[in-house]
C-alpha cells in the first residue's frame, strides 16, 4: 500500500498477459517491482539487467531471449531501475526473442 499507483503488465513466453495495479512509495519502477518480487536480475555497471519477471526466466545466452521494457506501449529509453514512477503510466515487460 503506497501513495503512487501504476499499472504493471507482463507478456510471458506463452504470450499470456498478466497485469497488476501497483501501490508503492518507491520512486523507481525497478525498486517497486523488486520489492514485490515481480522482477529479478543482475546488477551491472549499466543498472539492473532483468532476467526473471513474474517467475519466468529469459536467458539471452541460451536462446537469445530477453525481457523488453515498455512505458505506455513504447520501448523504454531508460532502464527499469532508473525509470522514475509516474502515476497512471503503464509499465510492461514483454518476453522477446531475437
C-alpha atoms as a PDB file:
ATOM      1  CA  UNK A   1       0.000   0.000   0.000  1.00  0.00           C
ATOM      2  CA  UNK A   2       1.660   3.184  -1.183  1.00  0.00           C
ATOM      3  CA  UNK A   3       0.821   6.672  -2.311  1.00  0.00           C
ATOM      4  CA  UNK A   4       1.638   6.165  -6.001  1.00  0.00           C
ATOM      5  CA  UNK A   5      -0.302   3.776  -8.249  1.00  0.00           C
ATOM      6  CA  UNK A   6       0.750   2.471 -11.647  1.00  0.00           C
ATOM      7  CA  UNK A   7      -0.166  -0.464 -13.868  1.00  0.00           C
ATOM      8  CA  UNK A   8       2.344  -3.243 -14.481  1.00  0.00           C
ATOM      9  CA  UNK A   9       1.799  -5.704 -17.340  1.00  0.00           C
ATOM     10  CA  UNK A  10       3.711  -8.833 -18.267  1.00  0.00           C
ATOM     11  CA  UNK A  11       3.534 -10.730 -21.551  1.00  0.00           C
ATOM     12  CA  UNK A  12       5.299 -14.019 -20.872  1.00  0.00           C
ATOM     13  CA  UNK A  13       6.909 -16.662 -23.101  1.00  0.00           C
ATOM     14  CA  UNK A  14       3.471 -18.183 -23.884  1.00  0.00           C
ATOM     15  CA  UNK A  15       2.026 -14.749 -24.812  1.00  0.00           C
ATOM     16  CA  UNK A  16      -0.117 -14.791 -21.648  1.00  0.00           C
ATOM     17  CA  UNK A  17      -0.724 -11.256 -20.377  1.00  0.00           C
ATOM     18  CA  UNK A  18      -0.943 -10.561 -16.642  1.00  0.00           C
ATOM     19  CA  UNK A  19      -1.495  -7.167 -15.034  1.00  0.00           C
ATOM     20  CA  UNK A  20      -1.295  -5.597 -11.592  1.00  0.00           C
ATOM     21  CA  UNK A  21      -2.126  -2.233 -10.085  1.00  0.00           C
ATOM     22  CA  UNK A  22       0.978  -1.459  -8.053  1.00  0.00           C
ATOM     23  CA  UNK A  23       0.686   0.787  -4.987  1.00  0.00           C
ATOM     24  CA  UNK A  24       4.098   1.964  -3.807  1.00  0.00           C
ATOM     25  CA  UNK A  25       6.086   4.611  -2.002  1.00  0.00           C
ATOM     26  CA  UNK A  26       9.236   3.740  -4.005  1.00  0.00           C
ATOM     27  CA  UNK A  27      10.479   6.292  -6.535  1.00  0.00           C
ATOM     28  CA  UNK A  28      11.607   3.987  -9.355  1.00  0.00           C
ATOM     29  CA  UNK A  29       9.747   1.267 -11.212  1.00  0.00           C
ATOM     30  CA  UNK A  30      12.586  -1.178 -10.578  1.00  0.00           C
ATOM     31  CA  UNK A  31      12.563  -0.642  -6.813  1.00  0.00           C
ATOM     32  CA  UNK A  32       8.780  -1.080  -6.634  1.00  0.00           C
ATOM     33  CA  UNK A  33       8.729  -4.261  -8.730  1.00  0.00           C
ATOM     34  CA  UNK A  34      11.765  -5.748  -6.964  1.00  0.00           C
ATOM     35  CA  UNK A  35      10.193  -5.100  -3.569  1.00  0.00           C
ATOM     36  CA  UNK A  36       7.103  -7.060  -4.674  1.00  0.00           C
ATOM     37  CA  UNK A  37       9.228  -9.899  -6.072  1.00  0.00           C
ATOM     38  CA  UNK A  38       7.869  -9.376  -9.589  1.00  0.00           C
ATOM     39  CA  UNK A  39      11.307  -8.873 -11.173  1.00  0.00           C
ATOM     40  CA  UNK A  40      14.761 -10.286 -10.509  1.00  0.00           C
ATOM     41  CA  UNK A  41      18.052  -9.746 -12.224  1.00  0.00           C
ATOM     42  CA  UNK A  42      21.724  -8.989 -12.099  1.00  0.00           C
ATOM     43  CA  UNK A  43      23.173  -5.586 -11.331  1.00  0.00           C
ATOM     44  CA  UNK A  44      25.861  -4.332 -13.692  1.00  0.00           C
ATOM     45  CA  UNK A  45      27.562  -1.035 -14.434  1.00  0.00           C
ATOM     46  CA  UNK A  46      24.544  -0.271 -16.649  1.00  0.00           C
ATOM     47  CA  UNK A  47      21.963  -0.957 -13.934  1.00  0.00           C
ATOM     48  CA  UNK A  48      19.643  -3.885 -13.354  1.00  0.00           C
ATOM     49  CA  UNK A  49      19.578  -6.468 -16.144  1.00  0.00           C
ATOM     50  CA  UNK A  50      16.196  -8.138 -15.646  1.00  0.00           C
ATOM     51  CA  UNK A  51      16.434 -11.901 -16.090  1.00  0.00           C
ATOM     52  CA  UNK A  52      13.171 -13.011 -14.479  1.00  0.00           C
ATOM     53  CA  UNK A  53       9.687 -11.486 -14.479  1.00  0.00           C
ATOM     54  CA  UNK A  54       6.753 -12.989 -12.583  1.00  0.00           C
ATOM     55  CA  UNK A  55       8.676 -16.246 -12.194  1.00  0.00           C
ATOM     56  CA  UNK A  56       9.584 -16.629 -15.895  1.00  0.00           C
ATOM     57  CA  UNK A  57      13.290 -16.552 -16.770  1.00  0.00           C
ATOM     58  CA  UNK A  58      14.783 -15.268 -20.006  1.00  0.00           C
ATOM     59  CA  UNK A  59      18.346 -16.372 -20.804  1.00  0.00           C
ATOM     60  CA  UNK A  60      19.848 -14.432 -23.684  1.00  0.00           C
ATOM     61  CA  UNK A  61      22.988 -16.580 -23.699  1.00  0.00           C
ATOM     62  CA  UNK A  62      20.955 -19.793 -24.074  1.00  0.00           C
ATOM     63  CA  UNK A  63      18.356 -18.836 -26.703  1.00  0.00           C
ATOM     64  CA  UNK A  64      18.577 -15.061 -27.355  1.00  0.00           C
ATOM     65  CA  UNK A  65      15.533 -14.394 -25.126  1.00  0.00           C
ATOM     66  CA  UNK A  66      15.266 -11.252 -23.023  1.00  0.00           C
ATOM     67  CA  UNK A  67      12.735  -9.098 -21.205  1.00  0.00           C
ATOM     68  CA  UNK A  68      11.947  -5.906 -23.144  1.00  0.00           C
ATOM     69  CA  UNK A  69      10.784  -2.952 -21.018  1.00  0.00           C
ATOM     70  CA  UNK A  70       7.995  -0.668 -22.240  1.00  0.00           C
ATOM     71  CA  UNK A  71       6.405   2.540 -20.948  1.00  0.00           C
ATOM     72  CA  UNK A  72       2.877   3.254 -22.212  1.00  0.00           C
ATOM     73  CA  UNK A  73       3.439   0.892 -25.138  1.00  0.00           C
ATOM     74  CA  UNK A  74       6.728   2.478 -26.223  1.00  0.00           C
ATOM     75  CA  UNK A  75      10.099   0.733 -25.922  1.00  0.00           C
ATOM     76  CA  UNK A  76      11.721   2.324 -22.869  1.00  0.00           C
ATOM     77  CA  UNK A  77      14.735   4.577 -23.320  1.00  0.00           C
ATOM     78  CA  UNK A  78      15.757   4.052 -19.688  1.00  0.00           C
ATOM     79  CA  UNK A  79      16.389   1.003 -17.549  1.00  0.00           C
ATOM     80  CA  UNK A  80      13.716  -0.165 -15.118  1.00  0.00           C
ATOM     81  CA  UNK A  81      15.819   0.797 -12.099  1.00  0.00           C
ATOM     82  CA  UNK A  82      16.427   4.330 -13.400  1.00  0.00           C
ATOM     83  CA  UNK A  83      12.834   4.979 -14.520  1.00  0.00           C
ATOM     84  CA  UNK A  84      11.003   7.250 -12.101  1.00  0.00           C
ATOM     85  CA  UNK A  85       7.430   6.221 -11.430  1.00  0.00           C
ATOM     86  CA  UNK A  86       4.742   8.434 -12.911  1.00  0.00           C
ATOM     87  CA  UNK A  87       1.253   7.758 -11.574  1.00  0.00           C
ATOM     88  CA  UNK A  88      -1.145   6.438 -14.176  1.00  0.00           C
ATOM     89  CA  UNK A  89       1.535   5.153 -16.553  1.00  0.00           C
ATOM     90  CA  UNK A  90       1.579   1.557 -17.778  1.00  0.00           C
ATOM     91  CA  UNK A  91       4.944  -0.155 -17.367  1.00  0.00           C
ATOM     92  CA  UNK A  92       5.390  -3.520 -19.057  1.00  0.00           C
ATOM     93  CA  UNK A  93       7.836  -6.328 -19.663  1.00  0.00           C
ATOM     94  CA  UNK A  94       7.481  -8.454 -22.780  1.00  0.00           C
ATOM     95  CA  UNK A  95       9.322 -11.756 -23.232  1.00  0.00           C
ATOM     96  CA  UNK A  96      11.208 -11.280 -26.505  1.00  0.00           C
ATOM     97  CA  UNK A  97      13.450 -13.439 -28.673  1.00  0.00           C
ATOM     98  CA  UNK A  98      15.812 -12.177 -31.344  1.00  0.00           C
END
